């Protein structure tokens, strides 16, 4: 979808896919890539993905829902999805903001995540949900 705001044309729908193409997503990103970041929690350190956020209704599975696999650990709150064929992490329902998905920026077609400079690193090792109430 293309939206025009004044003289500016904004593409709001973006295609994302895993490496083998079995899983294809459509993301609605009216503000573009928002809040790109890395995380140092145990799973994020290992997958190494640059992640950004989108509302739950901002991702639509176009193809390959049957190829998606779910991985949960620790509190089993976050839902991490990856392609069961090639193993690429595509998105996850966030633990800290369950009304959002985090998605792998590297899966967006035409986007090189290495060109997004200075992405902050979230302290996932000391996640707010793991702290005792004050």
N, C-alpha and C. Protein backbone atom coordinates (compact mmCIF):
# COMPACT_ATOMS: atom_id res chain seq x y z
N UNK A 1 0.85 -1.17 0.00
CA UNK A 1 0.00 0.00 0.00
C UNK A 1 0.90 1.24 0.00
N UNK A 2 0.54 2.21 -0.79
CA UNK A 2 1.26 3.48 -0.88
C UNK A 2 0.34 4.56 -0.34
N UNK A 3 0.86 5.37 0.55
CA UNK A 3 0.09 6.48 1.12
C UNK A 3 0.81 7.77 0.76
N UNK A 4 0.04 8.80 0.42
CA UNK A 4 0.64 10.09 0.13
C UNK A 4 0.26 11.06 1.23
N UNK A 5 1.27 11.69 1.82
CA UNK A 5 1.09 12.71 2.84
C UNK A 5 1.72 13.98 2.29
N UNK A 6 0.87 14.92 1.86
CA UNK A 6 1.40 16.11 1.19
C UNK A 6 2.09 15.68 -0.09
N UNK A 7 3.34 16.10 -0.25
CA UNK A 7 4.13 15.73 -1.42
C UNK A 7 4.93 14.45 -1.21
N UNK A 8 4.84 13.86 -0.01
CA UNK A 8 5.64 12.70 0.33
C UNK A 8 4.84 11.42 0.13
N UNK A 9 5.43 10.47 -0.56
CA UNK A 9 4.81 9.17 -0.76
C UNK A 9 5.45 8.19 0.21
N UNK A 10 4.61 7.49 0.98
CA UNK A 10 5.10 6.57 1.99
C UNK A 10 4.57 5.17 1.68
N UNK A 11 5.46 4.22 1.57
CA UNK A 11 5.05 2.84 1.39
C UNK A 11 4.78 2.28 2.78
N UNK A 12 3.56 1.80 3.03
CA UNK A 12 3.22 1.33 4.37
C UNK A 12 3.26 -0.19 4.49
N UNK A 13 3.10 -0.91 3.40
CA UNK A 13 3.14 -2.37 3.47
C UNK A 13 4.47 -2.87 2.92
N UNK A 14 5.06 -3.77 3.68
CA UNK A 14 6.37 -4.30 3.33
C UNK A 14 6.32 -5.81 3.38
N UNK A 15 7.08 -6.43 2.53
CA UNK A 15 7.15 -7.88 2.46
C UNK A 15 8.39 -8.33 3.22
N UNK A 16 8.25 -9.42 3.94
CA UNK A 16 9.37 -10.03 4.65
C UNK A 16 9.30 -11.53 4.41
N UNK A 17 10.45 -12.17 4.40
CA UNK A 17 10.46 -13.61 4.19
C UNK A 17 11.66 -14.23 4.88
N UNK A 18 11.54 -15.53 5.10
CA UNK A 18 12.67 -16.29 5.63
C UNK A 18 13.67 -16.51 4.50
N UNK A 19 14.74 -17.22 4.75
CA UNK A 19 15.78 -17.42 3.75
C UNK A 19 15.31 -18.27 2.57
N UNK A 20 14.58 -19.34 2.85
CA UNK A 20 14.17 -20.25 1.78
C UNK A 20 12.89 -19.82 1.07
N UNK A 21 12.17 -18.84 1.63
CA UNK A 21 10.95 -18.34 1.02
C UNK A 21 9.70 -19.11 1.39
N UNK A 22 9.82 -20.10 2.27
CA UNK A 22 8.64 -20.85 2.70
C UNK A 22 7.68 -19.96 3.49
N UNK A 23 8.23 -19.04 4.28
CA UNK A 23 7.41 -18.13 5.10
C UNK A 23 7.50 -16.73 4.51
N UNK A 24 6.34 -16.16 4.22
CA UNK A 24 6.27 -14.79 3.70
C UNK A 24 5.28 -14.02 4.57
N UNK A 25 5.71 -12.85 5.02
CA UNK A 25 4.89 -11.98 5.85
C UNK A 25 4.64 -10.67 5.13
N UNK A 26 3.54 -10.04 5.46
CA UNK A 26 3.29 -8.66 5.03
C UNK A 26 3.20 -7.83 6.30
N UNK A 27 4.02 -6.80 6.38
CA UNK A 27 4.05 -5.92 7.54
C UNK A 27 3.49 -4.56 7.17
N UNK A 28 2.66 -4.02 8.01
CA UNK A 28 2.15 -2.66 7.83
C UNK A 28 2.98 -1.76 8.72
N UNK A 29 3.79 -0.92 8.09
CA UNK A 29 4.74 -0.05 8.80
C UNK A 29 4.54 1.39 8.34
N UNK A 30 3.46 2.06 8.80
CA UNK A 30 3.19 3.41 8.33
C UNK A 30 4.28 4.42 8.70
N UNK A 31 5.03 4.17 9.75
CA UNK A 31 6.12 5.06 10.15
C UNK A 31 7.48 4.47 9.78
N UNK A 32 7.50 3.43 8.99
CA UNK A 32 8.77 2.79 8.62
C UNK A 32 9.25 1.89 9.75
N UNK A 33 10.54 1.61 9.77
CA UNK A 33 11.14 0.75 10.79
C UNK A 33 11.20 1.54 12.09
N UNK A 34 10.44 1.09 13.09
CA UNK A 34 10.39 1.81 14.37
C UNK A 34 11.12 1.03 15.46
N UNK A 35 11.88 1.76 16.25
CA UNK A 35 12.56 1.23 17.43
C UNK A 35 13.48 0.05 17.10
N UNK A 36 14.36 0.17 16.09
CA UNK A 36 15.28 -0.94 15.82
C UNK A 36 16.26 -1.08 16.98
N UNK A 37 16.52 -2.33 17.36
CA UNK A 37 17.36 -2.57 18.52
C UNK A 37 17.90 -4.00 18.48
N UNK A 38 18.85 -4.21 19.31
CA UNK A 38 19.37 -5.55 19.57
C UNK A 38 19.08 -5.85 21.04
N UNK A 39 19.19 -7.08 21.42
CA UNK A 39 18.92 -7.47 22.80
C UNK A 39 20.00 -8.44 23.22
N UNK A 40 20.37 -8.41 24.50
CA UNK A 40 21.42 -9.30 24.97
C UNK A 40 20.90 -10.47 25.82
N UNK A 41 19.59 -10.76 25.72
CA UNK A 41 19.07 -11.92 26.45
C UNK A 41 19.64 -13.19 25.81
N UNK A 42 19.41 -14.32 26.45
CA UNK A 42 20.05 -15.57 26.01
C UNK A 42 19.69 -15.96 24.58
N UNK A 43 18.46 -15.79 24.16
CA UNK A 43 18.08 -16.18 22.79
C UNK A 43 18.54 -15.14 21.77
N UNK A 44 18.40 -13.87 22.10
CA UNK A 44 18.78 -12.81 21.15
C UNK A 44 20.28 -12.78 20.89
N UNK A 45 21.08 -13.03 21.93
CA UNK A 45 22.53 -13.10 21.72
C UNK A 45 22.86 -14.15 20.68
N UNK A 46 22.15 -15.25 20.74
CA UNK A 46 22.45 -16.36 19.84
C UNK A 46 21.93 -16.12 18.42
N UNK A 47 20.76 -15.50 18.29
CA UNK A 47 20.23 -15.30 16.94
C UNK A 47 20.81 -14.05 16.28
N UNK A 48 21.23 -13.06 17.06
CA UNK A 48 21.94 -11.90 16.52
C UNK A 48 21.14 -10.99 15.61
N UNK A 49 19.84 -11.04 15.67
CA UNK A 49 19.01 -10.26 14.75
C UNK A 49 18.81 -8.83 15.23
N UNK A 50 18.70 -7.92 14.28
CA UNK A 50 18.23 -6.56 14.56
C UNK A 50 16.71 -6.64 14.51
N UNK A 51 16.07 -6.18 15.56
CA UNK A 51 14.62 -6.33 15.71
C UNK A 51 13.97 -4.96 15.78
N UNK A 52 12.78 -4.83 15.20
CA UNK A 52 11.97 -3.63 15.32
C UNK A 52 10.56 -4.06 15.72
N UNK A 53 9.72 -3.10 16.05
CA UNK A 53 8.39 -3.41 16.58
C UNK A 53 7.28 -3.06 15.61
N UNK A 54 6.18 -3.81 15.71
CA UNK A 54 4.98 -3.57 14.95
C UNK A 54 3.80 -4.07 15.80
N UNK A 55 2.66 -3.42 15.67
CA UNK A 55 1.47 -3.88 16.40
C UNK A 55 1.09 -5.29 15.94
N UNK A 56 0.37 -6.02 16.78
CA UNK A 56 -0.04 -7.38 16.41
C UNK A 56 -0.80 -7.42 15.09
N UNK A 57 -1.64 -6.41 14.85
CA UNK A 57 -2.39 -6.41 13.60
C UNK A 57 -1.55 -5.90 12.43
N UNK A 58 -0.27 -5.61 12.67
CA UNK A 58 0.62 -5.12 11.63
C UNK A 58 1.39 -6.20 10.89
N UNK A 59 1.16 -7.46 11.27
CA UNK A 59 1.79 -8.58 10.55
C UNK A 59 0.69 -9.51 10.06
N UNK A 60 0.80 -9.85 8.79
CA UNK A 60 -0.11 -10.84 8.20
C UNK A 60 0.75 -11.92 7.55
N UNK A 61 0.45 -13.18 7.87
CA UNK A 61 1.16 -14.29 7.26
C UNK A 61 0.54 -14.53 5.89
N UNK A 62 1.33 -14.28 4.84
CA UNK A 62 0.87 -14.41 3.47
C UNK A 62 1.03 -15.85 3.00
N UNK A 63 2.09 -16.48 3.45
CA UNK A 63 2.42 -17.82 2.98
C UNK A 63 3.23 -18.53 4.05
N UNK A 64 3.00 -19.82 4.22
CA UNK A 64 3.86 -20.65 5.05
C UNK A 64 3.51 -20.73 6.51
N UNK A 65 2.27 -20.44 6.87
CA UNK A 65 1.91 -20.56 8.29
C UNK A 65 2.20 -21.97 8.80
N UNK A 66 2.03 -22.96 7.95
CA UNK A 66 2.30 -24.35 8.33
C UNK A 66 3.80 -24.62 8.50
N UNK A 67 4.65 -23.78 7.93
CA UNK A 67 6.10 -23.94 8.06
C UNK A 67 6.64 -23.26 9.32
N UNK A 68 5.86 -22.36 9.90
CA UNK A 68 6.32 -21.66 11.10
C UNK A 68 6.36 -22.60 12.29
N UNK A 69 7.39 -22.45 13.09
CA UNK A 69 7.54 -23.20 14.33
C UNK A 69 7.58 -22.20 15.48
N UNK A 70 7.09 -22.63 16.62
CA UNK A 70 7.03 -21.78 17.82
C UNK A 70 8.04 -22.29 18.83
N UNK A 71 8.77 -21.34 19.42
CA UNK A 71 9.70 -21.68 20.50
C UNK A 71 9.40 -20.75 21.67
N UNK A 72 9.24 -21.33 22.85
CA UNK A 72 9.04 -20.55 24.07
C UNK A 72 9.98 -21.10 25.14
N UNK A 73 10.41 -20.24 26.05
CA UNK A 73 11.30 -20.68 27.12
C UNK A 73 11.07 -19.80 28.34
N UNK A 74 11.71 -20.12 29.43
CA UNK A 74 11.66 -19.37 30.69
C UNK A 74 10.22 -19.18 31.14
N UNK A 75 9.67 -17.98 31.03
CA UNK A 75 8.30 -17.72 31.49
C UNK A 75 7.24 -18.17 30.49
N UNK A 76 7.63 -18.56 29.30
CA UNK A 76 6.73 -18.98 28.23
C UNK A 76 5.73 -17.89 27.85
N UNK A 77 6.11 -16.63 28.06
CA UNK A 77 5.26 -15.51 27.69
C UNK A 77 5.52 -15.09 26.25
N UNK A 78 6.77 -14.87 25.90
CA UNK A 78 7.12 -14.50 24.53
C UNK A 78 6.95 -15.71 23.62
N UNK A 79 6.54 -15.44 22.40
CA UNK A 79 6.36 -16.50 21.40
C UNK A 79 7.28 -16.20 20.23
N UNK A 80 8.32 -17.02 20.08
CA UNK A 80 9.32 -16.82 19.03
C UNK A 80 9.01 -17.73 17.86
N UNK A 81 8.88 -17.14 16.66
CA UNK A 81 8.53 -17.90 15.46
C UNK A 81 9.72 -17.96 14.51
N UNK A 82 9.91 -19.12 13.92
CA UNK A 82 10.98 -19.30 12.95
C UNK A 82 10.53 -20.29 11.89
N UNK A 83 11.19 -20.27 10.75
CA UNK A 83 10.85 -21.17 9.66
C UNK A 83 11.36 -22.57 10.00
N UNK A 84 10.48 -23.56 9.91
CA UNK A 84 10.86 -24.94 10.18
C UNK A 84 11.68 -25.56 9.06
N UNK A 85 11.79 -24.88 7.92
CA UNK A 85 12.58 -25.40 6.81
C UNK A 85 14.01 -24.88 6.89
N UNK A 86 14.19 -23.55 6.90
CA UNK A 86 15.54 -22.97 6.88
C UNK A 86 16.02 -22.50 8.25
N UNK A 87 15.11 -22.41 9.23
CA UNK A 87 15.50 -22.04 10.59
C UNK A 87 15.58 -20.56 10.88
N UNK A 88 15.26 -19.70 9.92
CA UNK A 88 15.38 -18.26 10.14
C UNK A 88 14.27 -17.75 11.04
N UNK A 89 14.67 -16.99 12.07
CA UNK A 89 13.74 -16.31 12.97
C UNK A 89 13.07 -15.18 12.19
N UNK A 90 11.74 -15.16 12.18
CA UNK A 90 11.02 -14.11 11.46
C UNK A 90 10.41 -13.07 12.39
N UNK A 91 9.81 -13.52 13.51
CA UNK A 91 9.15 -12.56 14.40
C UNK A 91 8.85 -13.22 15.74
N UNK A 92 8.48 -12.40 16.72
CA UNK A 92 8.07 -12.94 18.01
C UNK A 92 7.06 -11.99 18.66
N UNK A 93 6.15 -12.58 19.42
CA UNK A 93 5.25 -11.75 20.23
C UNK A 93 6.02 -11.39 21.48
N UNK A 94 6.13 -10.12 21.73
CA UNK A 94 7.01 -9.62 22.78
C UNK A 94 6.50 -9.93 24.18
N UNK A 95 7.41 -10.15 25.09
CA UNK A 95 7.08 -10.39 26.48
C UNK A 95 6.79 -9.09 27.20
N UNK A 96 7.60 -8.07 26.94
CA UNK A 96 7.44 -6.80 27.64
C UNK A 96 6.27 -5.99 27.09
N UNK A 97 5.91 -6.20 25.83
CA UNK A 97 4.78 -5.52 25.20
C UNK A 97 4.03 -6.55 24.36
N UNK A 98 3.18 -7.39 25.01
CA UNK A 98 2.53 -8.48 24.28
C UNK A 98 1.55 -8.01 23.20
N UNK A 99 1.28 -6.71 23.14
CA UNK A 99 0.42 -6.17 22.08
C UNK A 99 1.24 -5.86 20.82
N UNK A 100 2.51 -6.22 20.84
CA UNK A 100 3.41 -5.98 19.71
C UNK A 100 4.14 -7.25 19.31
N UNK A 101 4.53 -7.28 18.04
CA UNK A 101 5.50 -8.25 17.57
C UNK A 101 6.83 -7.53 17.43
N UNK A 102 7.89 -8.25 17.71
CA UNK A 102 9.21 -7.86 17.26
C UNK A 102 9.43 -8.62 15.97
N UNK A 103 10.02 -8.00 14.98
CA UNK A 103 10.28 -8.71 13.72
C UNK A 103 11.74 -8.55 13.34
N UNK A 104 12.23 -9.52 12.60
CA UNK A 104 13.61 -9.54 12.15
C UNK A 104 13.76 -8.58 10.97
N UNK A 105 14.43 -7.47 11.20
CA UNK A 105 14.62 -6.45 10.16
C UNK A 105 15.34 -7.05 8.95
N UNK A 106 16.20 -8.03 9.18
CA UNK A 106 16.92 -8.68 8.09
C UNK A 106 16.03 -9.47 7.15
N UNK A 107 14.79 -9.75 7.56
CA UNK A 107 13.84 -10.46 6.70
C UNK A 107 13.08 -9.52 5.77
N UNK A 108 13.13 -8.21 6.01
CA UNK A 108 12.44 -7.25 5.15
C UNK A 108 13.12 -7.20 3.79
N UNK A 109 12.34 -7.34 2.74
CA UNK A 109 12.90 -7.28 1.40
C UNK A 109 13.45 -5.89 1.11
N UNK A 110 14.65 -5.85 0.59
CA UNK A 110 15.27 -4.58 0.20
C UNK A 110 15.91 -3.81 1.34
N UNK A 111 15.99 -4.40 2.54
CA UNK A 111 16.57 -3.70 3.69
C UNK A 111 17.83 -4.44 4.14
N UNK A 112 18.92 -3.71 4.27
CA UNK A 112 20.15 -4.26 4.81
C UNK A 112 20.27 -3.77 6.25
N UNK A 113 20.07 -4.65 7.24
CA UNK A 113 20.10 -4.20 8.63
C UNK A 113 21.45 -3.65 9.07
N UNK A 114 22.51 -3.97 8.34
CA UNK A 114 23.83 -3.46 8.70
C UNK A 114 24.00 -1.98 8.35
N UNK A 115 23.05 -1.43 7.57
CA UNK A 115 23.09 -0.01 7.25
C UNK A 115 22.35 0.84 8.28
N UNK A 116 21.71 0.19 9.25
CA UNK A 116 21.06 0.92 10.34
C UNK A 116 22.09 1.07 11.45
N UNK A 117 22.67 2.25 11.50
CA UNK A 117 23.78 2.49 12.41
C UNK A 117 23.31 2.70 13.85
N UNK A 118 24.14 2.32 14.76
CA UNK A 118 23.97 2.62 16.18
C UNK A 118 22.64 2.16 16.76
N UNK A 119 22.21 0.95 16.43
CA UNK A 119 20.99 0.41 17.04
C UNK A 119 21.29 0.14 18.51
N UNK A 120 20.46 0.64 19.41
CA UNK A 120 20.72 0.42 20.84
C UNK A 120 20.56 -1.06 21.20
N UNK A 121 21.18 -1.45 22.30
CA UNK A 121 21.07 -2.81 22.82
C UNK A 121 20.22 -2.77 24.08
N UNK A 122 19.12 -3.53 24.07
CA UNK A 122 18.28 -3.63 25.27
C UNK A 122 18.92 -4.60 26.25
N UNK A 123 18.74 -4.31 27.53
CA UNK A 123 19.25 -5.18 28.59
C UNK A 123 18.24 -6.29 28.83
N UNK A 124 18.27 -7.31 27.98
CA UNK A 124 17.35 -8.44 28.12
C UNK A 124 17.76 -9.40 29.21
N UNK A 125 19.02 -9.35 29.62
CA UNK A 125 19.48 -10.20 30.71
C UNK A 125 18.75 -9.81 32.00
N UNK A 126 18.52 -8.52 32.18
CA UNK A 126 17.82 -7.99 33.35
C UNK A 126 16.45 -7.47 32.93
N UNK A 127 15.64 -8.34 32.36
CA UNK A 127 14.33 -7.97 31.82
C UNK A 127 13.43 -7.46 32.93
N UNK A 128 12.67 -6.38 32.68
CA UNK A 128 11.79 -5.81 33.72
C UNK A 128 10.79 -6.83 34.27
N UNK A 129 10.35 -7.77 33.45
CA UNK A 129 9.38 -8.76 33.91
C UNK A 129 9.98 -9.76 34.90
N UNK A 130 11.32 -9.81 34.98
CA UNK A 130 11.97 -10.73 35.90
C UNK A 130 12.27 -10.09 37.26
N UNK A 131 12.02 -8.82 37.38
CA UNK A 131 12.31 -8.13 38.65
C UNK A 131 11.16 -8.30 39.64
N UNK A 132 11.53 -8.44 40.89
CA UNK A 132 10.52 -8.55 41.95
C UNK A 132 9.83 -7.20 42.12
N UNK A 133 8.52 -7.21 42.35
CA UNK A 133 7.80 -5.95 42.58
C UNK A 133 8.38 -5.20 43.77
N UNK A 134 8.44 -3.88 43.62
CA UNK A 134 9.00 -3.05 44.70
C UNK A 134 8.02 -2.84 45.82
